[in-house]
Every structure is written in C-alpha cells, then in structure tokens.
Amino acid sequence: MKASELRTKDVKELQEQLLALRQEQVNLRIQKALGQLSRPHRFQEIRRDIARIKTVLNEKARAGE
C-alpha cells in the first residue's frame, strides 16, 4: 500500500482500513502465541501500513479535511 493511494481516500475509508489492519494485527499475535503463525513477515508490513495511514490522517487533519 502506497501513501499516494491512501491520500486519494477520504477519512472514513482510512479509519475503516486502520481498524481492519489493527484487527489483523491482533489475529497475528494470537496465531504467534499459539504457534500457528505462517507468515511472520506480515507483522512488519501491517505495522508500516498502520503508520502510513496514521500519517495521512494527520496530514488531512492539519489541512482541515
């Protein structure tokens, strides 16, 4: 997911996507605790995607959108 793609979305879509990513992050943590984690690289991807979304949301908030 690229920041340029995120900037074209509105705030509500970004918040929904952020919520979905956080839920996926929780599910991965549960899988890790149970020893069923099949894609450990996904932790880093999700963490970075969350950071990108938060950055774009802050940019939009400062711009007054």
PDB file of N, CA and C in Angstrom:
ATOM      1  N   MET A   1       0.842  -1.165   0.000  1.00  0.00           N
ATOM      2  CA  MET A   1       0.000   0.000   0.000  1.00  0.00           C
ATOM      3  C   MET A   1       0.895   1.238   0.000  1.00  0.00           C
ATOM      4  N   LYS A   2       0.613   2.145  -0.905  1.00  0.00           N
ATOM      5  CA  LYS A   2       1.428   3.348  -1.024  1.00  0.00           C
ATOM      6  C   LYS A   2       0.701   4.534  -0.418  1.00  0.00           C
ATOM      7  N   ALA A   3       1.467   5.501   0.046  1.00  0.00           N
ATOM      8  CA  ALA A   3       0.888   6.695   0.650  1.00  0.00           C
ATOM      9  C   ALA A   3       0.083   7.480  -0.379  1.00  0.00           C
ATOM     10  N   SER A   4       0.508   7.467  -1.630  1.00  0.00           N
ATOM     11  CA  SER A   4      -0.236   8.193  -2.666  1.00  0.00           C
ATOM     12  C   SER A   4      -1.628   7.591  -2.865  1.00  0.00           C
ATOM     13  N   GLU A   5      -1.734   6.273  -2.736  1.00  0.00           N
ATOM     14  CA  GLU A   5      -3.041   5.617  -2.826  1.00  0.00           C
ATOM     15  C   GLU A   5      -3.921   6.014  -1.643  1.00  0.00           C
ATOM     16  N   LEU A   6      -3.301   6.124  -0.476  1.00  0.00           N
ATOM     17  CA  LEU A   6      -4.064   6.464   0.728  1.00  0.00           C
ATOM     18  C   LEU A   6      -4.558   7.906   0.691  1.00  0.00           C
ATOM     19  N   ARG A   7      -3.794   8.777   0.086  1.00  0.00           N
ATOM     20  CA  ARG A   7      -4.182  10.187   0.054  1.00  0.00           C
ATOM     21  C   ARG A   7      -5.425  10.425  -0.792  1.00  0.00           C
ATOM     22  N   THR A   8      -5.746   9.508  -1.698  1.00  0.00           N
ATOM     23  CA  THR A   8      -6.937   9.665  -2.537  1.00  0.00           C
ATOM     24  C   THR A   8      -8.208   9.244  -1.797  1.00  0.00           C
ATOM     25  N   LYS A   9      -8.071   8.544  -0.691  1.00  0.00           N
ATOM     26  CA  LYS A   9      -9.228   8.069   0.071  1.00  0.00           C
ATOM     27  C   LYS A   9      -9.669   9.130   1.067  1.00  0.00           C
ATOM     28  N   ASP A  10     -10.940   9.050   1.459  1.00  0.00           N
ATOM     29  CA  ASP A  10     -11.431  10.001   2.455  1.00  0.00           C
ATOM     30  C   ASP A  10     -11.157   9.458   3.862  1.00  0.00           C
ATOM     31  N   VAL A  11     -11.416  10.288   4.843  1.00  0.00           N
ATOM     32  CA  VAL A  11     -11.064   9.979   6.232  1.00  0.00           C
ATOM     33  C   VAL A  11     -11.796   8.732   6.728  1.00  0.00           C
ATOM     34  N   LYS A  12     -13.059   8.602   6.384  1.00  0.00           N
ATOM     35  CA  LYS A  12     -13.836   7.454   6.856  1.00  0.00           C
ATOM     36  C   LYS A  12     -13.262   6.140   6.323  1.00  0.00           C
ATOM     37  N   GLU A  13     -12.882   6.114   5.059  1.00  0.00           N
ATOM     38  CA  GLU A  13     -12.281   4.906   4.486  1.00  0.00           C
ATOM     39  C   GLU A  13     -10.958   4.579   5.162  1.00  0.00           C
ATOM     40  N   LEU A  14     -10.181   5.602   5.446  1.00  0.00           N
ATOM     41  CA  LEU A  14      -8.895   5.385   6.111  1.00  0.00           C
ATOM     42  C   LEU A  14      -9.086   4.831   7.517  1.00  0.00           C
ATOM     43  N   GLN A  15     -10.060   5.351   8.224  1.00  0.00           N
ATOM     44  CA  GLN A  15     -10.322   4.859   9.574  1.00  0.00           C
ATOM     45  C   GLN A  15     -10.791   3.407   9.553  1.00  0.00           C
ATOM     46  N   GLU A  16     -11.614   3.051   8.571  1.00  0.00           N
ATOM     47  CA  GLU A  16     -12.062   1.668   8.449  1.00  0.00           C
ATOM     48  C   GLU A  16     -10.897   0.745   8.132  1.00  0.00           C
ATOM     49  N   GLN A  17     -10.026   1.187   7.266  1.00  0.00           N
ATOM     50  CA  GLN A  17      -8.864   0.390   6.897  1.00  0.00           C
ATOM     51  C   GLN A  17      -7.918   0.241   8.090  1.00  0.00           C
ATOM     52  N   LEU A  18      -7.767   1.298   8.869  1.00  0.00           N
ATOM     53  CA  LEU A  18      -6.932   1.246  10.059  1.00  0.00           C
ATOM     54  C   LEU A  18      -7.482   0.232  11.057  1.00  0.00           C
ATOM     55  N   LEU A  19      -8.790   0.238  11.233  1.00  0.00           N
ATOM     56  CA  LEU A  19      -9.429  -0.708  12.145  1.00  0.00           C
ATOM     57  C   LEU A  19      -9.220  -2.149  11.674  1.00  0.00           C
ATOM     58  N   ALA A  20      -9.343  -2.374  10.370  1.00  0.00           N
ATOM     59  CA  ALA A  20      -9.146  -3.717   9.826  1.00  0.00           C
ATOM     60  C   ALA A  20      -7.709  -4.187  10.012  1.00  0.00           C
ATOM     61  N   LEU A  21      -6.753  -3.297   9.815  1.00  0.00           N
ATOM     62  CA  LEU A  21      -5.342  -3.660   9.996  1.00  0.00           C
ATOM     63  C   LEU A  21      -5.035  -3.970  11.454  1.00  0.00           C
ATOM     64  N   ARG A  22      -5.611  -3.215  12.359  1.00  0.00           N
ATOM     65  CA  ARG A  22      -5.376  -3.488  13.781  1.00  0.00           C
ATOM     66  C   ARG A  22      -5.979  -4.830  14.183  1.00  0.00           C
ATOM     67  N   GLN A  23      -7.133  -5.166  13.604  1.00  0.00           N
ATOM     68  CA  GLN A  23      -7.745  -6.459  13.890  1.00  0.00           C
ATOM     69  C   GLN A  23      -6.869  -7.589  13.352  1.00  0.00           C
ATOM     70  N   GLU A  24      -6.322  -7.394  12.173  1.00  0.00           N
ATOM     71  CA  GLU A  24      -5.420  -8.395  11.603  1.00  0.00           C
ATOM     72  C   GLU A  24      -4.165  -8.540  12.458  1.00  0.00           C
ATOM     73  N   GLN A  25      -3.687  -7.426  12.996  1.00  0.00           N
ATOM     74  CA  GLN A  25      -2.514  -7.454  13.865  1.00  0.00           C
ATOM     75  C   GLN A  25      -2.804  -8.269  15.137  1.00  0.00           C
ATOM     76  N   VAL A  26      -3.982  -8.102  15.691  1.00  0.00           N
ATOM     77  CA  VAL A  26      -4.373  -8.877  16.877  1.00  0.00           C
ATOM     78  C   VAL A  26      -4.437 -10.360  16.539  1.00  0.00           C
ATOM     79  N   ASN A  27      -5.018 -10.681  15.382  1.00  0.00           N
ATOM     80  CA  ASN A  27      -5.110 -12.078  14.973  1.00  0.00           C
ATOM     81  C   ASN A  27      -3.735 -12.703  14.791  1.00  0.00           C
ATOM     82  N   LEU A  28      -2.803 -11.932  14.241  1.00  0.00           N
ATOM     83  CA  LEU A  28      -1.440 -12.448  14.083  1.00  0.00           C
ATOM     84  C   LEU A  28      -0.777 -12.692  15.433  1.00  0.00           C
ATOM     85  N   ARG A  29      -1.039 -11.819  16.378  1.00  0.00           N
ATOM     86  CA  ARG A  29      -0.460 -12.011  17.718  1.00  0.00           C
ATOM     87  C   ARG A  29      -1.006 -13.278  18.358  1.00  0.00           C
ATOM     88  N   ILE A  30      -2.284 -13.536  18.159  1.00  0.00           N
ATOM     89  CA  ILE A  30      -2.894 -14.752  18.703  1.00  0.00           C
ATOM     90  C   ILE A  30      -2.281 -15.979  18.042  1.00  0.00           C
ATOM     91  N   GLN A  31      -2.129 -15.926  16.712  1.00  0.00           N
ATOM     92  CA  GLN A  31      -1.518 -17.048  16.000  1.00  0.00           C
ATOM     93  C   GLN A  31      -0.088 -17.292  16.483  1.00  0.00           C
ATOM     94  N   LYS A  32       0.641 -16.213  16.734  1.00  0.00           N
ATOM     95  CA  LYS A  32       2.017 -16.354  17.211  1.00  0.00           C
ATOM     96  C   LYS A  32       2.045 -17.014  18.583  1.00  0.00           C
ATOM     97  N   ALA A  33       1.119 -16.615  19.444  1.00  0.00           N
ATOM     98  CA  ALA A  33       1.078 -17.183  20.789  1.00  0.00           C
ATOM     99  C   ALA A  33       0.728 -18.671  20.758  1.00  0.00           C
ATOM    100  N   LEU A  34      -0.087 -19.060  19.790  1.00  0.00           N
ATOM    101  CA  LEU A  34      -0.493 -20.455  19.680  1.00  0.00           C
ATOM    102  C   LEU A  34       0.489 -21.290  18.858  1.00  0.00           C
ATOM    103  N   GLY A  35       1.476 -20.632  18.283  1.00  0.00           N
ATOM    104  CA  GLY A  35       2.462 -21.339  17.482  1.00  0.00           C
ATOM    105  C   GLY A  35       1.972 -21.699  16.096  1.00  0.00           C
ATOM    106  N   GLN A  36       0.990 -20.983  15.580  1.00  0.00           N
ATOM    107  CA  GLN A  36       0.404 -21.282  14.278  1.00  0.00           C
ATOM    108  C   GLN A  36       0.712 -20.208  13.238  1.00  0.00           C
ATOM    109  N   LEU A  37       1.676 -19.376  13.500  1.00  0.00           N
ATOM    110  CA  LEU A  37       1.980 -18.266  12.606  1.00  0.00           C
ATOM    111  C   LEU A  37       2.678 -18.773  11.346  1.00  0.00           C
ATOM    112  N   SER A  38       2.061 -18.486  10.192  1.00  0.00           N
ATOM    113  CA  SER A  38       2.629 -18.979   8.937  1.00  0.00           C
ATOM    114  C   SER A  38       3.363 -17.884   8.164  1.00  0.00           C
ATOM    115  N   ARG A  39       3.042 -16.613   8.432  1.00  0.00           N
ATOM    116  CA  ARG A  39       3.676 -15.510   7.698  1.00  0.00           C
ATOM    117  C   ARG A  39       4.193 -14.453   8.682  1.00  0.00           C
ATOM    118  N   PRO A  40       5.341 -14.676   9.287  1.00  0.00           N
ATOM    119  CA  PRO A  40       5.850 -13.724  10.278  1.00  0.00           C
ATOM    120  C   PRO A  40       6.220 -12.362   9.687  1.00  0.00           C
ATOM    121  N   HIS A  41       6.507 -12.296   8.391  1.00  0.00           N
ATOM    122  CA  HIS A  41       6.854 -11.027   7.759  1.00  0.00           C
ATOM    123  C   HIS A  41       5.662 -10.076   7.719  1.00  0.00           C
ATOM    124  N   ARG A  42       4.485 -10.593   7.920  1.00  0.00           N
ATOM    125  CA  ARG A  42       3.266  -9.787   7.856  1.00  0.00           C
ATOM    126  C   ARG A  42       3.209  -8.771   9.004  1.00  0.00           C
ATOM    127  N   PHE A  43       3.859  -9.079  10.151  1.00  0.00           N
ATOM    128  CA  PHE A  43       3.895  -8.138  11.269  1.00  0.00           C
ATOM    129  C   PHE A  43       4.467  -6.794  10.836  1.00  0.00           C
ATOM    130  N   GLN A  44       5.597  -6.838  10.168  1.00  0.00           N
ATOM    131  CA  GLN A  44       6.269  -5.612   9.742  1.00  0.00           C
ATOM    132  C   GLN A  44       5.432  -4.868   8.705  1.00  0.00           C
ATOM    133  N   GLU A  45       4.830  -5.592   7.763  1.00  0.00           N
ATOM    134  CA  GLU A  45       4.000  -4.963   6.735  1.00  0.00           C
ATOM    135  C   GLU A  45       2.817  -4.228   7.356  1.00  0.00           C
ATOM    136  N   ILE A  46       2.150  -4.880   8.283  1.00  0.00           N
ATOM    137  CA  ILE A  46       0.981  -4.279   8.918  1.00  0.00           C
ATOM    138  C   ILE A  46       1.382  -3.062   9.736  1.00  0.00           C
ATOM    139  N   ARG A  47       2.474  -3.180  10.483  1.00  0.00           N
ATOM    140  CA  ARG A  47       2.933  -2.058  11.303  1.00  0.00           C
ATOM    141  C   ARG A  47       3.238  -0.841  10.442  1.00  0.00           C
ATOM    142  N   ARG A  48       3.865  -1.059   9.316  1.00  0.00           N
ATOM    143  CA  ARG A  48       4.189   0.054   8.416  1.00  0.00           C
ATOM    144  C   ARG A  48       2.937   0.629   7.755  1.00  0.00           C
ATOM    145  N   ASP A  49       1.998  -0.242   7.384  1.00  0.00           N
ATOM    146  CA  ASP A  49       0.750   0.244   6.784  1.00  0.00           C
ATOM    147  C   ASP A  49      -0.039   1.089   7.784  1.00  0.00           C
ATOM    148  N   ILE A  50      -0.055   0.663   9.038  1.00  0.00           N
ATOM    149  CA  ILE A  50      -0.735   1.440  10.081  1.00  0.00           C
ATOM    150  C   ILE A  50      -0.083   2.808  10.215  1.00  0.00           C
ATOM    151  N   ALA A  51       1.232   2.846  10.199  1.00  0.00           N
ATOM    152  CA  ALA A  51       1.949   4.117  10.310  1.00  0.00           C
ATOM    153  C   ALA A  51       1.638   5.021   9.129  1.00  0.00           C
ATOM    154  N   ARG A  52       1.568   4.445   7.923  1.00  0.00           N
ATOM    155  CA  ARG A  52       1.237   5.247   6.739  1.00  0.00           C
ATOM    156  C   ARG A  52      -0.156   5.852   6.852  1.00  0.00           C
ATOM    157  N   ILE A  53      -1.100   5.037   7.282  1.00  0.00           N
ATOM    158  CA  ILE A  53      -2.480   5.531   7.409  1.00  0.00           C
ATOM    159  C   ILE A  53      -2.560   6.635   8.446  1.00  0.00           C
ATOM    160  N   LYS A  54      -1.889   6.446   9.578  1.00  0.00           N
ATOM    161  CA  LYS A  54      -1.900   7.481  10.616  1.00  0.00           C
ATOM    162  C   LYS A  54      -1.275   8.775  10.119  1.00  0.00           C
ATOM    163  N   THR A  55      -0.219   8.664   9.333  1.00  0.00           N
ATOM    164  CA  THR A  55       0.437   9.845   8.782  1.00  0.00           C
ATOM    165  C   THR A  55      -0.513  10.595   7.860  1.00  0.00           C
ATOM    166  N   VAL A  56      -1.188   9.883   6.989  1.00  0.00           N
ATOM    167  CA  VAL A  56      -2.116  10.520   6.056  1.00  0.00           C
ATOM    168  C   VAL A  56      -3.296  11.138   6.811  1.00  0.00           C
ATOM    169  N   LEU A  57      -3.778  10.450   7.835  1.00  0.00           N
ATOM    170  CA  LEU A  57      -4.873  11.010   8.642  1.00  0.00           C
ATOM    171  C   LEU A  57      -4.444  12.306   9.319  1.00  0.00           C
ATOM    172  N   ASN A  58      -3.208  12.342   9.834  1.00  0.00           N
ATOM    173  CA  ASN A  58      -2.700  13.570  10.459  1.00  0.00           C
ATOM    174  C   ASN A  58      -2.543  14.691   9.438  1.00  0.00           C
ATOM    175  N   GLU A  59      -2.092  14.341   8.234  1.00  0.00           N
ATOM    176  CA  GLU A  59      -1.970  15.343   7.193  1.00  0.00           C
ATOM    177  C   GLU A  59      -3.339  15.939   6.856  1.00  0.00           C
ATOM    178  N   LYS A  60      -4.332  15.079   6.755  1.00  0.00           N
ATOM    179  CA  LYS A  60      -5.685  15.530   6.429  1.00  0.00           C
ATOM    180  C   LYS A  60      -6.268  16.373   7.575  1.00  0.00           C
ATOM    181  N   ALA A  61      -5.959  16.010   8.816  1.00  0.00           N
ATOM    182  CA  ALA A  61      -6.455  16.768   9.950  1.00  0.00           C
ATOM    183  C   ALA A  61      -5.848  18.167   9.984  1.00  0.00           C
ATOM    184  N   ARG A  62      -4.578  18.258   9.664  1.00  0.00           N
ATOM    185  CA  ARG A  62      -3.920  19.568   9.648  1.00  0.00           C
ATOM    186  C   ARG A  62      -4.416  20.428   8.502  1.00  0.00           C
ATOM    187  N   ALA A  63      -4.797  19.779   7.404  1.00  0.00           N
ATOM    188  CA  ALA A  63      -5.307  20.504   6.254  1.00  0.00           C
ATOM    189  C   ALA A  63      -6.769  20.923   6.451  1.00  0.00           C
ATOM    190  N   GLY A  64      -7.399  20.344   7.471  1.00  0.00           N
ATOM    191  CA  GLY A  64      -8.779  20.707   7.785  1.00  0.00           C
ATOM    192  C   GLY A  64      -9.825  19.929   7.022  1.00  0.00           C
ATOM    193  N   GLU A  65      -9.488  18.736   6.579  1.00  0.00           N
ATOM    194  CA  GLU A  65     -10.453  17.920   5.833  1.00  0.00           C
ATOM    195  C   GLU A  65     -11.317  17.125   6.762  1.00  0.00           C
TER     196      GLU A  65
END
